[in-house]
N, C-alpha and C. Protein backbone atom coordinates (compact mmCIF):
# COMPACT_ATOMS: atom_id res chain seq x y z
N MET A 1 71.32 29.75 9.96
CA MET A 1 69.88 29.49 10.28
C MET A 1 68.90 30.37 9.65
N ILE A 2 69.37 31.52 9.23
CA ILE A 2 68.43 32.54 8.63
C ILE A 2 68.00 31.90 7.28
N LEU A 3 68.93 31.37 6.63
CA LEU A 3 68.56 30.94 5.16
C LEU A 3 67.72 29.63 5.52
N LEU A 4 67.91 28.84 6.37
CA LEU A 4 67.11 27.67 6.48
C LEU A 4 65.72 28.01 6.92
N TYR A 5 65.51 29.01 7.92
CA TYR A 5 64.24 29.50 8.29
C TYR A 5 63.49 30.21 7.26
N GLY A 6 64.28 30.97 6.43
CA GLY A 6 63.74 31.57 5.24
C GLY A 6 63.19 30.62 4.17
N TYR A 7 63.87 29.49 4.03
CA TYR A 7 63.51 28.50 2.98
C TYR A 7 62.30 27.85 3.46
N VAL A 8 62.25 27.40 4.78
CA VAL A 8 61.17 26.71 5.23
C VAL A 8 59.75 27.57 5.13
N PHE A 9 59.89 28.98 5.54
CA PHE A 9 58.77 29.79 5.41
C PHE A 9 58.44 30.04 3.96
N TYR A 10 59.42 30.15 3.05
CA TYR A 10 59.08 30.15 1.61
C TYR A 10 58.32 29.05 1.11
N TYR A 11 58.86 27.71 1.55
CA TYR A 11 58.29 26.53 1.00
C TYR A 11 56.76 26.46 1.45
N VAL A 12 56.43 26.73 2.68
CA VAL A 12 54.97 26.80 3.16
C VAL A 12 54.28 27.96 2.41
N ALA A 13 54.82 29.05 2.32
CA ALA A 13 54.07 30.21 1.65
C ALA A 13 53.82 29.89 0.23
N ALA A 14 54.85 29.43 -0.49
CA ALA A 14 54.78 29.18 -1.96
C ALA A 14 53.88 28.10 -2.15
N LEU A 15 53.82 27.02 -1.29
CA LEU A 15 52.88 25.76 -1.44
C LEU A 15 51.45 26.30 -1.33
N LEU A 16 51.14 26.96 -0.18
CA LEU A 16 49.80 27.34 -0.04
C LEU A 16 49.35 28.53 -0.96
N GLY A 17 50.30 29.46 -1.10
CA GLY A 17 50.01 30.72 -1.77
C GLY A 17 49.87 30.55 -3.27
N ILE A 18 51.02 30.07 -3.82
CA ILE A 18 51.18 29.93 -5.34
C ILE A 18 50.68 28.61 -5.88
N SER A 19 51.18 27.61 -5.39
CA SER A 19 50.91 26.21 -5.96
C SER A 19 49.40 25.82 -5.77
N ILE A 20 49.06 25.77 -4.49
CA ILE A 20 47.66 25.51 -4.12
C ILE A 20 46.73 26.62 -4.45
N GLY A 21 47.07 27.84 -3.99
CA GLY A 21 46.15 29.01 -4.18
C GLY A 21 46.03 29.60 -5.47
N TYR A 22 47.04 30.26 -6.00
CA TYR A 22 47.03 30.95 -7.36
C TYR A 22 46.90 29.91 -8.43
N HIS A 23 47.59 28.80 -8.29
CA HIS A 23 47.51 27.90 -9.41
C HIS A 23 46.14 26.96 -9.38
N ARG A 24 46.20 26.09 -8.44
CA ARG A 24 45.21 25.06 -8.52
C ARG A 24 43.71 25.58 -8.09
N TYR A 25 43.81 26.53 -7.10
CA TYR A 25 42.49 27.01 -6.75
C TYR A 25 41.88 28.15 -7.65
N PHE A 26 42.59 29.37 -7.73
CA PHE A 26 42.01 30.34 -8.49
C PHE A 26 42.07 30.19 -9.99
N THR A 27 43.27 29.58 -10.45
CA THR A 27 43.25 29.46 -11.90
C THR A 27 42.51 28.33 -12.48
N HIS A 28 42.57 27.10 -11.82
CA HIS A 28 42.05 25.98 -12.48
C HIS A 28 40.80 25.49 -11.70
N ARG A 29 40.44 26.06 -10.67
CA ARG A 29 39.25 25.83 -9.84
C ARG A 29 39.27 24.30 -9.61
N SER A 30 40.40 23.79 -9.00
CA SER A 30 40.36 22.34 -8.83
C SER A 30 39.69 21.82 -7.60
N PHE A 31 39.32 22.78 -6.71
CA PHE A 31 38.66 22.26 -5.48
C PHE A 31 37.98 23.70 -4.96
N LYS A 32 37.14 23.48 -3.85
CA LYS A 32 36.41 24.62 -3.30
C LYS A 32 36.86 24.66 -1.72
N THR A 33 36.80 25.83 -1.30
CA THR A 33 37.16 26.10 0.11
C THR A 33 36.37 27.43 0.60
N HIS A 34 36.67 27.82 1.82
CA HIS A 34 35.96 28.90 2.43
C HIS A 34 36.82 30.25 2.10
N GLN A 35 36.11 31.28 2.42
CA GLN A 35 36.69 32.66 2.06
C GLN A 35 37.80 33.04 2.97
N VAL A 36 37.83 32.53 4.10
CA VAL A 36 39.12 32.76 5.12
C VAL A 36 40.32 32.33 4.39
N LEU A 37 40.23 31.07 3.95
CA LEU A 37 41.42 30.43 3.30
C LEU A 37 41.72 31.17 1.91
N GLU A 38 40.85 31.62 1.29
CA GLU A 38 41.19 32.50 0.11
C GLU A 38 42.00 33.69 0.62
N TYR A 39 41.63 34.33 1.55
CA TYR A 39 42.48 35.52 1.86
C TYR A 39 43.87 35.01 2.36
N VAL A 40 44.01 33.89 3.05
CA VAL A 40 45.29 33.39 3.39
C VAL A 40 46.09 33.11 2.21
N MET A 41 45.51 32.40 1.14
CA MET A 41 46.27 32.01 -0.12
C MET A 41 46.61 33.38 -0.89
N LEU A 42 45.74 34.21 -0.91
CA LEU A 42 45.99 35.49 -1.57
C LEU A 42 47.17 36.36 -0.99
N MET A 43 47.06 36.39 0.45
CA MET A 43 48.26 37.10 0.99
C MET A 43 49.50 36.37 0.91
N LEU A 44 49.57 35.05 0.97
CA LEU A 44 50.85 34.21 0.93
C LEU A 44 51.37 34.35 -0.53
N GLY A 45 50.47 34.34 -1.58
CA GLY A 45 50.94 34.51 -2.90
C GLY A 45 51.43 35.91 -3.13
N THR A 46 50.85 36.90 -2.46
CA THR A 46 51.44 38.24 -2.73
C THR A 46 52.77 38.24 -1.94
N ILE A 47 53.03 37.70 -0.73
CA ILE A 47 54.30 37.58 -0.27
C ILE A 47 55.36 37.02 -1.06
N CYS A 48 55.07 36.03 -1.77
CA CYS A 48 55.97 35.29 -2.63
C CYS A 48 56.11 36.02 -4.08
N GLY A 49 55.67 37.14 -4.08
CA GLY A 49 55.82 38.02 -5.36
C GLY A 49 54.91 37.59 -6.42
N GLY A 50 53.84 36.96 -6.14
CA GLY A 50 52.89 36.51 -7.26
C GLY A 50 52.12 37.83 -7.84
N ARG A 51 52.15 38.86 -7.16
CA ARG A 51 51.48 40.10 -7.45
C ARG A 51 49.94 39.72 -7.66
N SER A 52 49.29 40.32 -8.53
CA SER A 52 47.79 40.18 -8.82
C SER A 52 47.59 38.76 -9.12
N VAL A 53 46.61 38.03 -8.52
CA VAL A 53 46.24 36.65 -8.93
C VAL A 53 45.39 36.85 -10.34
N LEU A 54 44.74 37.91 -10.46
CA LEU A 54 44.00 38.28 -11.62
C LEU A 54 44.86 38.14 -12.73
N THR A 55 46.07 38.77 -12.83
CA THR A 55 47.10 38.66 -13.94
C THR A 55 47.60 37.18 -14.05
N TRP A 56 48.11 36.80 -12.79
CA TRP A 56 48.85 35.52 -12.68
C TRP A 56 47.96 34.30 -13.22
N ALA A 57 46.70 34.30 -12.93
CA ALA A 57 45.74 33.34 -13.40
C ALA A 57 45.54 33.33 -14.95
N ALA A 58 45.23 34.64 -15.38
CA ALA A 58 44.97 34.90 -16.70
C ALA A 58 46.22 34.45 -17.58
N VAL A 59 47.39 34.80 -17.20
CA VAL A 59 48.62 34.43 -18.03
C VAL A 59 48.78 32.88 -17.97
N HIS A 60 48.45 32.27 -16.85
CA HIS A 60 48.66 30.79 -16.75
C HIS A 60 47.65 30.21 -17.70
N ARG A 61 46.37 30.73 -17.83
CA ARG A 61 45.42 30.14 -18.66
C ARG A 61 45.80 30.40 -20.11
N MET A 62 46.49 31.51 -20.41
CA MET A 62 46.86 31.75 -21.92
C MET A 62 48.08 30.78 -22.08
N HIS A 63 48.74 30.42 -21.16
CA HIS A 63 49.98 29.44 -21.31
C HIS A 63 49.39 28.07 -21.77
N HIS A 64 48.33 27.61 -21.01
CA HIS A 64 47.67 26.32 -21.21
C HIS A 64 46.97 26.40 -22.61
N ALA A 65 46.39 27.32 -22.99
CA ALA A 65 45.55 27.49 -24.24
C ALA A 65 46.60 27.52 -25.48
N ASN A 66 47.84 27.97 -25.19
CA ASN A 66 48.82 27.99 -26.30
C ASN A 66 50.08 27.44 -25.94
N SER A 67 50.13 26.42 -25.18
CA SER A 67 51.38 25.86 -24.77
C SER A 67 52.45 25.57 -25.81
N ASP A 68 53.64 26.05 -25.57
CA ASP A 68 54.83 25.79 -26.47
C ASP A 68 54.52 26.26 -27.94
N THR A 69 53.76 27.35 -28.04
CA THR A 69 53.69 27.96 -29.37
C THR A 69 54.15 29.31 -29.29
N GLU A 70 54.07 30.12 -30.32
CA GLU A 70 54.49 31.61 -30.37
C GLU A 70 53.61 32.42 -29.35
N GLU A 71 52.32 31.93 -29.12
CA GLU A 71 51.43 32.70 -28.32
C GLU A 71 51.56 32.30 -26.95
N ASP A 72 52.39 31.41 -26.60
CA ASP A 72 52.57 30.98 -25.16
C ASP A 72 53.43 32.10 -24.55
N PRO A 73 52.83 32.72 -23.40
CA PRO A 73 53.38 33.85 -22.76
C PRO A 73 54.76 33.76 -22.22
N HIS A 74 55.13 32.46 -21.93
CA HIS A 74 56.56 32.26 -21.40
C HIS A 74 57.19 30.95 -21.99
N SER A 75 57.10 30.84 -23.18
CA SER A 75 57.68 29.83 -23.92
C SER A 75 59.22 30.05 -24.15
N PRO A 76 60.09 29.12 -23.70
CA PRO A 76 61.46 29.31 -23.65
C PRO A 76 61.90 29.42 -25.20
N ALA A 77 61.12 28.82 -26.08
CA ALA A 77 61.53 28.78 -27.51
C ALA A 77 61.34 30.16 -28.17
N TYR A 78 60.27 30.86 -27.61
CA TYR A 78 59.78 32.09 -28.39
C TYR A 78 60.11 33.37 -27.57
N LYS A 79 60.23 33.21 -26.26
CA LYS A 79 60.43 34.35 -25.35
C LYS A 79 62.03 34.57 -25.02
N GLY A 80 62.70 33.55 -25.28
CA GLY A 80 64.16 33.57 -24.95
C GLY A 80 64.42 32.96 -23.53
N VAL A 81 65.46 32.19 -23.52
CA VAL A 81 65.83 31.51 -22.32
C VAL A 81 65.92 32.21 -21.20
N TRP A 82 66.80 33.32 -21.18
CA TRP A 82 67.05 34.28 -20.06
C TRP A 82 65.86 34.84 -19.70
N ASN A 83 64.91 35.42 -20.69
CA ASN A 83 63.69 36.05 -20.20
C ASN A 83 62.91 35.18 -19.32
N VAL A 84 62.81 33.87 -19.76
CA VAL A 84 61.91 32.95 -18.97
C VAL A 84 62.47 32.73 -17.63
N LEU A 85 63.77 32.32 -17.72
CA LEU A 85 64.54 31.94 -16.47
C LEU A 85 64.42 33.02 -15.32
N SER A 86 64.55 34.26 -15.93
CA SER A 86 64.60 35.48 -14.99
C SER A 86 63.13 36.07 -14.71
N SER A 87 62.13 35.43 -15.37
CA SER A 87 60.74 35.87 -15.32
C SER A 87 60.72 37.31 -15.75
N ARG A 88 61.36 37.64 -16.78
CA ARG A 88 61.37 39.11 -17.41
C ARG A 88 60.45 39.19 -18.62
N TRP A 89 59.75 38.06 -19.07
CA TRP A 89 58.84 38.07 -20.01
C TRP A 89 57.51 39.03 -19.71
N ARG A 90 56.90 39.62 -20.51
CA ARG A 90 55.80 40.43 -20.32
C ARG A 90 54.57 40.19 -21.22
N VAL A 91 53.40 40.34 -20.77
CA VAL A 91 52.28 40.07 -21.60
C VAL A 91 51.56 41.46 -21.64
N GLN A 92 51.50 41.89 -23.03
CA GLN A 92 51.09 43.22 -23.37
C GLN A 92 49.56 43.35 -23.06
N THR A 93 48.85 42.41 -23.44
CA THR A 93 47.32 42.49 -23.29
C THR A 93 46.68 41.17 -22.93
N ILE A 94 45.64 41.23 -22.09
CA ILE A 94 45.09 39.91 -21.71
C ILE A 94 43.53 39.99 -22.17
N PRO A 95 43.18 39.00 -23.09
CA PRO A 95 41.82 39.13 -23.51
C PRO A 95 40.96 38.86 -22.28
N LYS A 96 39.80 39.51 -22.31
CA LYS A 96 38.91 39.49 -21.14
C LYS A 96 38.39 38.02 -20.86
N LYS A 97 38.38 37.25 -21.92
CA LYS A 97 37.78 35.88 -21.69
C LYS A 97 38.54 35.05 -20.68
N TYR A 98 39.75 35.48 -20.57
CA TYR A 98 40.69 34.61 -19.60
C TYR A 98 40.41 35.11 -18.13
N ILE A 99 39.64 36.25 -17.78
CA ILE A 99 39.58 36.76 -16.48
C ILE A 99 38.14 36.98 -16.10
N LYS A 100 37.16 36.77 -17.08
CA LYS A 100 35.75 37.07 -16.68
C LYS A 100 35.21 36.39 -15.46
N ASP A 101 35.53 35.24 -15.30
CA ASP A 101 34.99 34.57 -14.05
C ASP A 101 35.70 35.03 -12.82
N LEU A 102 36.91 35.38 -12.86
CA LEU A 102 37.69 35.94 -11.76
C LEU A 102 37.32 37.22 -11.16
N LEU A 103 36.76 38.17 -12.09
CA LEU A 103 36.22 39.38 -11.75
C LEU A 103 35.09 39.25 -10.95
N SER A 104 34.38 38.17 -10.83
CA SER A 104 33.14 38.10 -9.92
C SER A 104 33.56 37.82 -8.50
N ASN A 105 34.83 37.45 -8.11
CA ASN A 105 35.28 37.21 -6.85
C ASN A 105 35.75 38.61 -6.22
N PRO A 106 35.15 39.01 -5.28
CA PRO A 106 35.49 40.31 -4.70
C PRO A 106 36.86 40.36 -3.87
N ARG A 107 37.11 39.12 -3.50
CA ARG A 107 38.54 38.98 -2.82
C ARG A 107 39.67 39.14 -3.88
N ILE A 108 39.50 38.63 -4.96
CA ILE A 108 40.53 38.66 -6.09
C ILE A 108 40.51 40.18 -6.48
N VAL A 109 39.50 40.90 -6.67
CA VAL A 109 39.43 42.17 -7.13
C VAL A 109 40.10 43.18 -6.07
N PHE A 110 39.81 42.91 -4.80
CA PHE A 110 40.46 43.67 -3.71
C PHE A 110 41.87 43.51 -3.54
N PHE A 111 42.51 42.23 -3.82
CA PHE A 111 43.89 42.01 -3.75
C PHE A 111 44.51 42.55 -4.97
N HIS A 112 43.73 42.55 -6.05
CA HIS A 112 44.34 43.22 -7.39
C HIS A 112 44.61 44.71 -7.27
N ARG A 113 43.63 45.38 -6.44
CA ARG A 113 43.81 46.77 -6.29
C ARG A 113 44.70 47.14 -5.21
N TYR A 114 44.75 46.43 -4.13
CA TYR A 114 45.37 46.87 -3.01
C TYR A 114 46.52 45.95 -2.44
N GLY A 115 46.65 44.77 -3.23
CA GLY A 115 47.82 43.80 -2.78
C GLY A 115 49.04 44.26 -2.65
N LYS A 116 49.55 45.23 -3.51
CA LYS A 116 50.89 45.70 -3.38
C LYS A 116 51.12 46.54 -2.16
N TYR A 117 49.91 47.26 -1.80
CA TYR A 117 50.14 48.19 -0.64
C TYR A 117 50.09 47.30 0.69
N MET A 118 49.39 46.32 0.54
CA MET A 118 49.46 45.32 1.79
C MET A 118 50.69 44.69 1.83
N HIS A 119 51.34 44.30 0.71
CA HIS A 119 52.64 43.79 0.70
C HIS A 119 53.64 44.81 1.30
N LEU A 120 53.66 45.93 1.02
CA LEU A 120 54.59 47.06 1.45
C LEU A 120 54.34 47.23 2.87
N THR A 121 53.12 47.21 3.37
CA THR A 121 52.83 47.36 4.80
C THR A 121 53.27 46.12 5.58
N TYR A 122 53.17 45.06 5.05
CA TYR A 122 53.64 43.83 5.65
C TYR A 122 55.11 43.91 5.85
N ALA A 123 55.79 44.14 4.69
CA ALA A 123 57.24 44.38 4.71
C ALA A 123 57.72 45.46 5.71
N ALA A 124 57.12 46.49 5.70
CA ALA A 124 57.48 47.52 6.65
C ALA A 124 57.36 47.13 8.17
N ILE A 125 56.19 46.40 8.53
CA ILE A 125 56.08 45.89 9.80
C ILE A 125 57.18 44.84 10.28
N ILE A 126 57.43 44.00 9.35
CA ILE A 126 58.58 42.88 9.56
C ILE A 126 59.80 43.58 9.67
N LEU A 127 60.22 44.68 8.96
CA LEU A 127 61.36 45.38 9.13
C LEU A 127 61.50 45.97 10.41
N LEU A 128 60.40 46.55 10.91
CA LEU A 128 60.46 47.16 12.31
C LEU A 128 60.90 46.05 13.35
N ILE A 129 60.41 44.89 13.24
CA ILE A 129 60.87 43.78 14.06
C ILE A 129 62.23 43.56 14.18
N SER A 130 62.85 43.17 13.05
CA SER A 130 64.30 43.10 12.89
C SER A 130 64.70 42.89 11.41
N ILE A 131 66.08 43.14 11.07
CA ILE A 131 66.52 42.82 9.92
C ILE A 131 66.60 41.26 9.58
N ASP A 132 66.88 40.47 10.42
CA ASP A 132 66.80 38.95 10.44
C ASP A 132 65.34 38.62 9.87
N ALA A 133 64.44 39.07 10.66
CA ALA A 133 63.04 38.79 10.28
C ALA A 133 62.59 39.22 8.96
N PHE A 134 63.16 40.34 8.49
CA PHE A 134 62.84 40.96 7.14
C PHE A 134 63.41 40.16 6.15
N ILE A 135 64.70 39.44 6.40
CA ILE A 135 65.35 38.66 5.39
C ILE A 135 64.55 37.37 5.25
N ILE A 136 64.07 36.78 6.44
CA ILE A 136 63.38 35.52 6.45
C ILE A 136 62.00 35.63 5.91
N PHE A 137 61.21 36.59 6.19
CA PHE A 137 59.74 36.75 5.85
C PHE A 137 59.45 37.51 4.63
N VAL A 138 60.56 38.27 4.14
CA VAL A 138 60.14 39.27 3.10
C VAL A 138 61.12 38.92 1.89
N ILE A 139 62.40 38.94 2.16
CA ILE A 139 63.44 38.94 1.02
C ILE A 139 63.48 37.42 0.48
N ILE A 140 63.74 36.44 1.30
CA ILE A 140 63.88 35.11 0.89
C ILE A 140 62.73 34.71 0.12
N PRO A 141 61.51 34.65 0.65
CA PRO A 141 60.29 34.09 -0.19
C PRO A 141 60.17 34.82 -1.50
N TYR A 142 60.43 36.13 -1.67
CA TYR A 142 60.33 36.84 -2.87
C TYR A 142 61.36 36.40 -3.95
N VAL A 143 62.62 36.25 -3.36
CA VAL A 143 63.76 35.83 -4.26
C VAL A 143 63.59 34.40 -4.79
N LEU A 144 63.23 33.46 -3.77
CA LEU A 144 63.11 31.97 -4.07
C LEU A 144 61.91 31.84 -5.06
N ALA A 145 60.89 32.58 -4.89
CA ALA A 145 59.77 32.38 -5.91
C ALA A 145 60.07 32.95 -7.27
N TRP A 146 60.93 33.94 -7.31
CA TRP A 146 61.38 34.50 -8.65
C TRP A 146 62.18 33.47 -9.30
N ILE A 147 63.16 32.77 -8.62
CA ILE A 147 64.03 31.87 -9.11
C ILE A 147 63.26 30.55 -9.43
N GLY A 148 62.58 30.12 -8.57
CA GLY A 148 61.80 28.83 -8.59
C GLY A 148 60.88 28.70 -9.84
N PHE A 149 59.91 29.67 -9.85
CA PHE A 149 58.85 29.61 -10.78
C PHE A 149 59.49 30.06 -12.26
N GLY A 150 60.57 30.89 -12.35
CA GLY A 150 61.26 31.00 -13.55
C GLY A 150 61.92 29.78 -14.05
N ALA A 151 62.47 28.97 -13.07
CA ALA A 151 63.18 27.86 -13.47
C ALA A 151 61.95 26.71 -13.90
N LEU A 152 61.01 26.78 -13.29
CA LEU A 152 59.88 25.90 -13.69
C LEU A 152 59.42 26.11 -15.14
N ASN A 153 59.13 27.49 -15.41
CA ASN A 153 58.70 27.80 -16.86
C ASN A 153 59.74 27.52 -17.77
N TYR A 154 61.07 27.45 -17.52
CA TYR A 154 62.06 27.08 -18.45
C TYR A 154 62.26 25.49 -18.51
N PHE A 155 62.62 24.98 -17.41
CA PHE A 155 63.05 23.39 -17.40
C PHE A 155 61.89 22.53 -17.64
N ALA A 156 60.66 22.85 -17.43
CA ALA A 156 59.46 22.07 -17.60
C ALA A 156 58.86 22.16 -19.12
N HIS A 157 59.63 23.17 -19.91
CA HIS A 157 59.16 23.30 -21.20
C HIS A 157 60.34 23.51 -22.22
N LYS A 158 61.63 23.25 -21.74
CA LYS A 158 62.81 23.43 -22.62
C LYS A 158 62.86 22.70 -23.77
N ASP A 159 62.29 21.49 -23.84
CA ASP A 159 62.19 20.66 -24.94
C ASP A 159 60.98 20.74 -25.90
N GLY A 160 60.28 21.76 -25.70
CA GLY A 160 59.20 22.17 -26.59
C GLY A 160 57.94 21.51 -26.23
N GLN A 161 57.87 21.00 -25.16
CA GLN A 161 56.68 20.18 -24.52
C GLN A 161 56.69 20.18 -22.98
N PRO A 162 55.60 19.98 -22.47
CA PRO A 162 55.57 19.90 -20.88
C PRO A 162 56.29 18.61 -20.38
N SER A 163 57.19 18.75 -19.38
CA SER A 163 57.92 17.64 -18.84
C SER A 163 57.76 17.64 -17.40
N ASN A 164 57.82 16.51 -16.70
CA ASN A 164 58.02 16.31 -15.29
C ASN A 164 59.35 16.63 -14.91
N VAL A 165 59.67 17.43 -13.90
CA VAL A 165 60.92 17.69 -13.39
C VAL A 165 60.92 17.55 -11.81
N PRO A 166 60.87 16.40 -11.30
CA PRO A 166 60.66 16.31 -9.85
C PRO A 166 61.50 17.17 -9.03
N ILE A 167 62.77 17.39 -9.39
CA ILE A 167 63.64 18.19 -8.53
C ILE A 167 63.26 19.52 -8.31
N LEU A 168 62.40 20.12 -9.21
CA LEU A 168 61.80 21.41 -9.11
C LEU A 168 60.95 21.62 -7.95
N ASN A 169 60.40 20.34 -7.34
CA ASN A 169 59.56 20.55 -6.28
C ASN A 169 60.29 21.16 -4.99
N LEU A 170 61.62 21.06 -5.02
CA LEU A 170 62.46 21.77 -3.99
C LEU A 170 62.28 23.17 -3.80
N ILE A 171 62.09 23.68 -4.98
CA ILE A 171 62.08 25.25 -5.15
C ILE A 171 60.74 25.81 -5.61
N ALA A 172 60.00 24.89 -6.21
CA ALA A 172 58.63 25.30 -6.75
C ALA A 172 57.68 24.30 -6.26
N PRO A 173 57.33 24.29 -4.93
CA PRO A 173 56.64 23.11 -4.34
C PRO A 173 55.21 22.65 -4.99
N GLY A 174 55.16 21.44 -5.41
CA GLY A 174 54.09 20.78 -6.01
C GLY A 174 54.11 21.04 -7.49
N GLU A 175 55.07 21.73 -8.02
CA GLU A 175 54.97 22.09 -9.57
C GLU A 175 55.82 21.31 -10.31
N GLY A 176 56.53 20.28 -9.78
CA GLY A 176 57.53 19.45 -10.65
C GLY A 176 56.83 18.50 -11.45
N TRP A 177 55.51 18.11 -11.18
CA TRP A 177 54.89 17.17 -11.97
C TRP A 177 54.11 17.88 -13.03
N HIS A 178 54.94 18.67 -13.89
CA HIS A 178 54.26 19.55 -14.78
C HIS A 178 53.58 18.91 -16.09
N LYS A 179 54.24 17.86 -16.53
CA LYS A 179 53.66 17.11 -17.63
C LYS A 179 52.28 16.49 -17.28
N ASN A 180 52.27 15.99 -16.06
CA ASN A 180 50.95 15.36 -15.39
C ASN A 180 49.85 16.52 -15.32
N HIS A 181 50.40 17.68 -14.92
CA HIS A 181 49.44 18.89 -14.84
C HIS A 181 48.94 19.19 -16.17
N HIS A 182 49.60 19.33 -17.16
CA HIS A 182 49.23 19.68 -18.49
C HIS A 182 48.34 18.60 -19.15
N HIS A 183 48.35 17.34 -18.59
CA HIS A 183 47.48 16.25 -19.15
C HIS A 183 46.20 16.30 -18.45
N GLU A 184 46.18 16.83 -17.18
CA GLU A 184 44.94 16.89 -16.37
C GLU A 184 45.02 18.18 -15.52
N PRO A 185 44.76 19.33 -16.17
CA PRO A 185 44.85 20.63 -15.43
C PRO A 185 44.12 20.77 -14.20
N GLN A 186 42.90 20.18 -14.20
CA GLN A 186 42.01 20.33 -12.88
C GLN A 186 42.24 19.32 -11.79
N ALA A 187 43.26 18.42 -12.09
CA ALA A 187 43.43 17.50 -11.17
C ALA A 187 44.08 18.18 -9.77
N THR A 188 43.58 17.63 -8.61
CA THR A 188 44.10 18.18 -7.37
C THR A 188 45.42 17.44 -6.85
N LYS A 189 45.51 16.16 -7.31
CA LYS A 189 46.68 15.39 -6.89
C LYS A 189 47.39 14.91 -8.11
N LEU A 190 48.62 15.26 -8.50
CA LEU A 190 49.30 14.99 -9.75
C LEU A 190 50.17 13.84 -9.69
N HIS A 191 50.52 13.33 -8.51
CA HIS A 191 51.49 12.25 -8.29
C HIS A 191 51.37 11.62 -6.84
N ASN A 192 51.72 10.59 -6.57
CA ASN A 192 51.74 9.99 -5.26
C ASN A 192 52.46 10.84 -4.26
N MET A 193 53.51 11.50 -4.76
CA MET A 193 54.33 12.36 -3.93
C MET A 193 54.20 13.73 -4.18
N ASP A 194 53.00 14.06 -4.63
CA ASP A 194 52.66 15.55 -4.80
C ASP A 194 52.11 16.13 -3.44
N ILE A 195 52.99 16.85 -2.83
CA ILE A 195 52.69 17.46 -1.56
C ILE A 195 51.42 18.45 -1.64
N ALA A 196 51.36 19.17 -2.70
CA ALA A 196 50.18 20.06 -2.92
C ALA A 196 48.89 19.31 -2.79
N GLY A 197 48.91 18.09 -3.56
CA GLY A 197 47.75 17.23 -3.57
C GLY A 197 47.41 16.72 -2.23
N VAL A 198 48.28 16.42 -1.56
CA VAL A 198 48.16 15.89 -0.13
C VAL A 198 47.46 17.03 0.87
N VAL A 199 48.04 18.09 0.70
CA VAL A 199 47.47 19.34 1.48
C VAL A 199 45.98 19.65 1.07
N ILE A 200 45.77 19.62 -0.22
CA ILE A 200 44.53 19.91 -0.78
C ILE A 200 43.43 18.90 -0.22
N GLU A 201 43.75 17.57 -0.05
CA GLU A 201 43.03 16.57 0.46
C GLU A 201 42.62 16.92 1.88
N TYR A 202 43.65 17.51 2.63
CA TYR A 202 43.30 17.74 3.99
C TYR A 202 42.41 19.07 4.10
N ILE A 203 42.64 20.03 3.19
CA ILE A 203 41.97 21.16 3.24
C ILE A 203 40.45 20.83 3.00
N ARG A 204 40.13 19.95 2.05
CA ARG A 204 38.65 19.63 1.76
C ARG A 204 38.07 19.06 3.00
N LYS A 205 38.94 18.62 3.93
CA LYS A 205 38.16 18.06 5.23
C LYS A 205 37.82 19.03 6.22
N ILE A 206 38.35 20.25 6.11
CA ILE A 206 38.11 21.20 7.23
C ILE A 206 37.02 22.15 6.67
């Protein structure tokens, strides 16, 4: 049951934190919402190992600008299959043009500076509750995000172009419609079965 609970928590956290938050909201500005939800998305993204959204969004923008070329930060063809699958690729420098607008958001800057400390504090508090809770709410979301989004970067680009891989939605929620996303990066709903798009439609109503 621990694994099941961990997976359910991960799915919700990654959906709101990474797919909807880091990706469609902060990176692509696909929709607007209030500051409270921004904090929620930033914290959930941090829990899933997204680290600074400033870096995450910048790298993803670089990926779109240079998709499947030597300048693509996580191209399987140029960075190596294992590096992409294991998320071991690195970006040495990020041109300021990719983060200029993000720097004007104080919540992004706050989490860039203090997010890792908030994550460590969160993990310590959960550990004080129980080992089972630590596995469910700290270890599993971190590990599954590492595996899921590494798999996304590889399998959705392994043929040298963006591809839809619906099964990846099981471990990278909302991200399996990757070809559709590259065709329309700012779209909030990528497919009739895009759960991230459905949630965003609900968010817009509150």
